Amino acid sequence: QVQLVESGGGLVQAGGSLRLSCQASGRSESTYNAGWFRQAPGKEREFVASITWTYGITYYADSVKGRFTISRDNAKKTVDLQMNSLEPEDTAIYYCVARNTYEGEYDYWGLGTQVTVSS
């Protein structure tokens, strides 16, 4: 089993920055990649970004490209999401995720951290 714990959410004004961090524990070394999803009130959950543990290959949703940066520290088993130029539309609960395989559903989810961007 793999456990994921997010931190770093909060309230920020539009144009500001926040950094989310995800601490993995358990058998996280067995996972292929990790990343972030988010869910805004009244909306479906959506993919934000992901990164592979071994080679650090990254993927981003079009809505966050150029503003968000995902990174990982294999030794610490952490995955961070640096969010810049935040917009009110980025307001959501952000979930850390991890997956055992190259594709398909994500196997592990954190409880989430709230990000609120005020206009």
C-alpha atoms as a PDB file:
ATOM      1  CA  GLN A   1       0.000   0.000   0.000  1.00  0.00           C
ATOM      2  CA  VAL A   2       0.968   3.595  -0.605  1.00  0.00           C
ATOM      3  CA  GLN A   3      -0.086   6.558   1.480  1.00  0.00           C
ATOM      4  CA  LEU A   4      -0.107  10.122   0.162  1.00  0.00           C
ATOM      5  CA  VAL A   5      -0.384  13.236   2.312  1.00  0.00           C
ATOM      6  CA  GLU A   6      -0.746  16.709   0.829  1.00  0.00           C
ATOM      7  CA  SER A   7       0.248  20.013   2.378  1.00  0.00           C
ATOM      8  CA  GLY A   8       0.656  23.618   1.364  1.00  0.00           C
ATOM      9  CA  GLY A   9      -2.834  24.675   0.394  1.00  0.00           C
ATOM     10  CA  GLY A  10      -4.327  27.974   1.454  1.00  0.00           C
ATOM     11  CA  LEU A  11      -5.774  31.293   0.406  1.00  0.00           C
ATOM     12  CA  VAL A  12      -3.969  33.522  -2.064  1.00  0.00           C
ATOM     13  CA  GLN A  13      -4.844  36.515  -4.213  1.00  0.00           C
ATOM     14  CA  ALA A  14      -5.035  36.265  -7.962  1.00  0.00           C
ATOM     15  CA  GLY A  15      -1.589  36.511  -9.482  1.00  0.00           C
ATOM     16  CA  GLY A  16       0.026  34.997  -6.423  1.00  0.00           C
ATOM     17  CA  SER A  17       1.830  31.712  -5.877  1.00  0.00           C
ATOM     18  CA  LEU A  18       1.496  28.602  -3.781  1.00  0.00           C
ATOM     19  CA  ARG A  19       3.540  25.452  -3.470  1.00  0.00           C
ATOM     20  CA  LEU A  20       1.868  22.142  -2.741  1.00  0.00           C
ATOM     21  CA  SER A  21       3.799  19.185  -1.440  1.00  0.00           C
ATOM     22  CA  CYS A  22       2.903  15.504  -1.335  1.00  0.00           C
ATOM     23  CA  GLN A  23       4.636  13.084   0.969  1.00  0.00           C
ATOM     24  CA  ALA A  24       4.501   9.454  -0.099  1.00  0.00           C
ATOM     25  CA  SER A  25       4.998   6.566   2.279  1.00  0.00           C
ATOM     26  CA  GLY A  26       4.602   2.833   2.226  1.00  0.00           C
ATOM     27  CA  ARG A  27       5.605   0.992  -0.925  1.00  0.00           C
ATOM     28  CA  SER A  28       5.808   4.132  -3.044  1.00  0.00           C
ATOM     29  CA  GLU A  29       8.902   2.825  -4.818  1.00  0.00           C
ATOM     30  CA  SER A  30       6.620   0.393  -6.600  1.00  0.00           C
ATOM     31  CA  THR A  31       4.678   3.182  -8.299  1.00  0.00           C
ATOM     32  CA  TYR A  32       5.403   4.377 -11.831  1.00  0.00           C
ATOM     33  CA  ASN A  33       4.480   8.014 -11.457  1.00  0.00           C
ATOM     34  CA  ALA A  34       2.776  10.552  -9.226  1.00  0.00           C
ATOM     35  CA  GLY A  35       0.858  13.714  -9.840  1.00  0.00           C
ATOM     36  CA  TRP A  36      -1.991  16.028  -9.015  1.00  0.00           C
ATOM     37  CA  PHE A  37      -5.676  16.222  -9.772  1.00  0.00           C
ATOM     38  CA  ARG A  38      -8.106  18.899  -8.688  1.00  0.00           C
ATOM     39  CA  GLN A  39     -11.823  19.291  -8.213  1.00  0.00           C
ATOM     40  CA  ALA A  40     -13.602  22.619  -8.117  1.00  0.00           C
ATOM     41  CA  PRO A  41     -17.063  23.063  -6.582  1.00  0.00           C
ATOM     42  CA  GLY A  42     -19.722  21.738  -8.912  1.00  0.00           C
ATOM     43  CA  LYS A  43     -17.181  20.477 -11.431  1.00  0.00           C
ATOM     44  CA  GLU A  44     -15.684  17.139 -12.303  1.00  0.00           C
ATOM     45  CA  ARG A  45     -12.299  16.123 -11.082  1.00  0.00           C
ATOM     46  CA  GLU A  46      -9.559  16.951 -13.598  1.00  0.00           C
ATOM     47  CA  PHE A  47      -5.949  16.083 -14.218  1.00  0.00           C
ATOM     48  CA  VAL A  48      -3.404  18.809 -13.434  1.00  0.00           C
ATOM     49  CA  ALA A  49       0.096  17.377 -13.791  1.00  0.00           C
ATOM     50  CA  SER A  50       2.149  14.212 -13.403  1.00  0.00           C
ATOM     51  CA  ILE A  51       5.793  13.145 -13.233  1.00  0.00           C
ATOM     52  CA  THR A  52       7.519   9.794 -13.511  1.00  0.00           C
ATOM     53  CA  TRP A  53       9.719   8.777 -10.627  1.00  0.00           C
ATOM     54  CA  THR A  54      12.573   7.347 -12.663  1.00  0.00           C
ATOM     55  CA  TYR A  55      13.139   9.851 -15.453  1.00  0.00           C
ATOM     56  CA  GLY A  56      11.159  12.855 -14.257  1.00  0.00           C
ATOM     57  CA  ILE A  57       9.034  12.986 -17.402  1.00  0.00           C
ATOM     58  CA  THR A  58       6.283  15.538 -16.895  1.00  0.00           C
ATOM     59  CA  TYR A  59       2.790  16.101 -18.273  1.00  0.00           C
ATOM     60  CA  TYR A  60       0.525  19.081 -17.741  1.00  0.00           C
ATOM     61  CA  ALA A  61      -3.055  20.011 -18.404  1.00  0.00           C
ATOM     62  CA  ASP A  62      -3.300  22.771 -20.999  1.00  0.00           C
ATOM     63  CA  SER A  63      -4.964  25.041 -18.447  1.00  0.00           C
ATOM     64  CA  VAL A  64      -1.859  25.119 -16.228  1.00  0.00           C
ATOM     65  CA  LYS A  65       0.994  24.912 -18.741  1.00  0.00           C
ATOM     66  CA  GLY A  66       3.483  27.702 -18.240  1.00  0.00           C
ATOM     67  CA  ARG A  67       2.124  28.502 -14.776  1.00  0.00           C
ATOM     68  CA  PHE A  68       2.529  25.278 -12.781  1.00  0.00           C
ATOM     69  CA  THR A  69       5.646  23.173 -12.365  1.00  0.00           C
ATOM     70  CA  ILE A  70       5.737  19.662 -10.966  1.00  0.00           C
ATOM     71  CA  SER A  71       8.877  18.178  -9.451  1.00  0.00           C
ATOM     72  CA  ARG A  72       9.884  15.157  -7.410  1.00  0.00           C
ATOM     73  CA  ASP A  73      12.527  14.212  -4.888  1.00  0.00           C
ATOM     74  CA  ASN A  74      13.074  10.480  -5.017  1.00  0.00           C
ATOM     75  CA  ALA A  75      15.136  10.378  -1.835  1.00  0.00           C
ATOM     76  CA  LYS A  76      12.469  12.181   0.181  1.00  0.00           C
ATOM     77  CA  LYS A  77       9.579  10.548  -1.701  1.00  0.00           C
ATOM     78  CA  THR A  78       7.928  13.883  -2.288  1.00  0.00           C
ATOM     79  CA  VAL A  79       6.157  15.414  -5.255  1.00  0.00           C
ATOM     80  CA  ASP A  80       5.712  19.177  -5.321  1.00  0.00           C
ATOM     81  CA  LEU A  81       3.520  21.437  -7.396  1.00  0.00           C
ATOM     82  CA  GLN A  82       4.687  25.021  -7.758  1.00  0.00           C
ATOM     83  CA  MET A  83       1.739  27.160  -8.806  1.00  0.00           C
ATOM     84  CA  ASN A  84       2.381  30.659 -10.128  1.00  0.00           C
ATOM     85  CA  SER A  85       0.129  33.317 -11.644  1.00  0.00           C
ATOM     86  CA  LEU A  86      -2.828  31.782  -9.884  1.00  0.00           C
ATOM     87  CA  GLU A  87      -6.307  32.586 -11.127  1.00  0.00           C
ATOM     88  CA  PRO A  88      -9.689  32.330  -9.388  1.00  0.00           C
ATOM     89  CA  GLU A  89     -10.417  29.421 -11.739  1.00  0.00           C
ATOM     90  CA  ASP A  90      -7.631  27.463 -10.015  1.00  0.00           C
ATOM     91  CA  THR A  91      -9.703  27.337  -6.828  1.00  0.00           C
ATOM     92  CA  ALA A  92     -10.233  23.675  -6.003  1.00  0.00           C
ATOM     93  CA  ILE A  93      -9.301  20.807  -3.760  1.00  0.00           C
ATOM     94  CA  TYR A  94      -5.994  19.435  -4.987  1.00  0.00           C
ATOM     95  CA  TYR A  95      -5.319  15.731  -4.671  1.00  0.00           C
ATOM     96  CA  CYS A  96      -1.982  13.962  -4.832  1.00  0.00           C
ATOM     97  CA  VAL A  97      -2.127  10.717  -6.796  1.00  0.00           C
ATOM     98  CA  ALA A  98       0.134   7.830  -7.724  1.00  0.00           C
ATOM     99  CA  ARG A  99      -0.140   4.990 -10.185  1.00  0.00           C
ATOM    100  CA  ASN A 100       1.490   1.580 -10.423  1.00  0.00           C
ATOM    101  CA  THR A 101       1.456   1.386 -14.194  1.00  0.00           C
ATOM    102  CA  TYR A 102       2.236   3.494 -17.237  1.00  0.00           C
ATOM    103  CA  GLU A 103      -1.415   4.222 -17.986  1.00  0.00           C
ATOM    104  CA  GLY A 104      -4.872   3.700 -16.640  1.00  0.00           C
ATOM    105  CA  GLU A 105      -6.568   4.760 -13.445  1.00  0.00           C
ATOM    106  CA  TYR A 106      -4.586   6.160 -10.553  1.00  0.00           C
ATOM    107  CA  ASP A 107      -4.307   3.648  -7.755  1.00  0.00           C
ATOM    108  CA  TYR A 108      -3.635   5.893  -4.773  1.00  0.00           C
ATOM    109  CA  TRP A 109      -5.162   9.181  -3.690  1.00  0.00           C
ATOM    110  CA  GLY A 110      -4.472  11.588  -0.873  1.00  0.00           C
ATOM    111  CA  LEU A 111      -7.224  13.295   1.089  1.00  0.00           C
ATOM    112  CA  GLY A 112      -6.691  16.608  -0.656  1.00  0.00           C
ATOM    113  CA  THR A 113      -5.745  20.160   0.236  1.00  0.00           C
ATOM    114  CA  GLN A 114      -7.830  23.253  -0.413  1.00  0.00           C
ATOM    115  CA  VAL A 115      -6.528  26.020  -2.655  1.00  0.00           C
ATOM    116  CA  THR A 116      -8.561  29.212  -2.819  1.00  0.00           C
ATOM    117  CA  VAL A 117      -7.665  32.068  -5.149  1.00  0.00           C
ATOM    118  CA  SER A 118      -9.451  35.345  -4.514  1.00  0.00           C
ATOM    119  CA  SER A 119     -10.042  37.911  -7.237  1.00  0.00           C
END
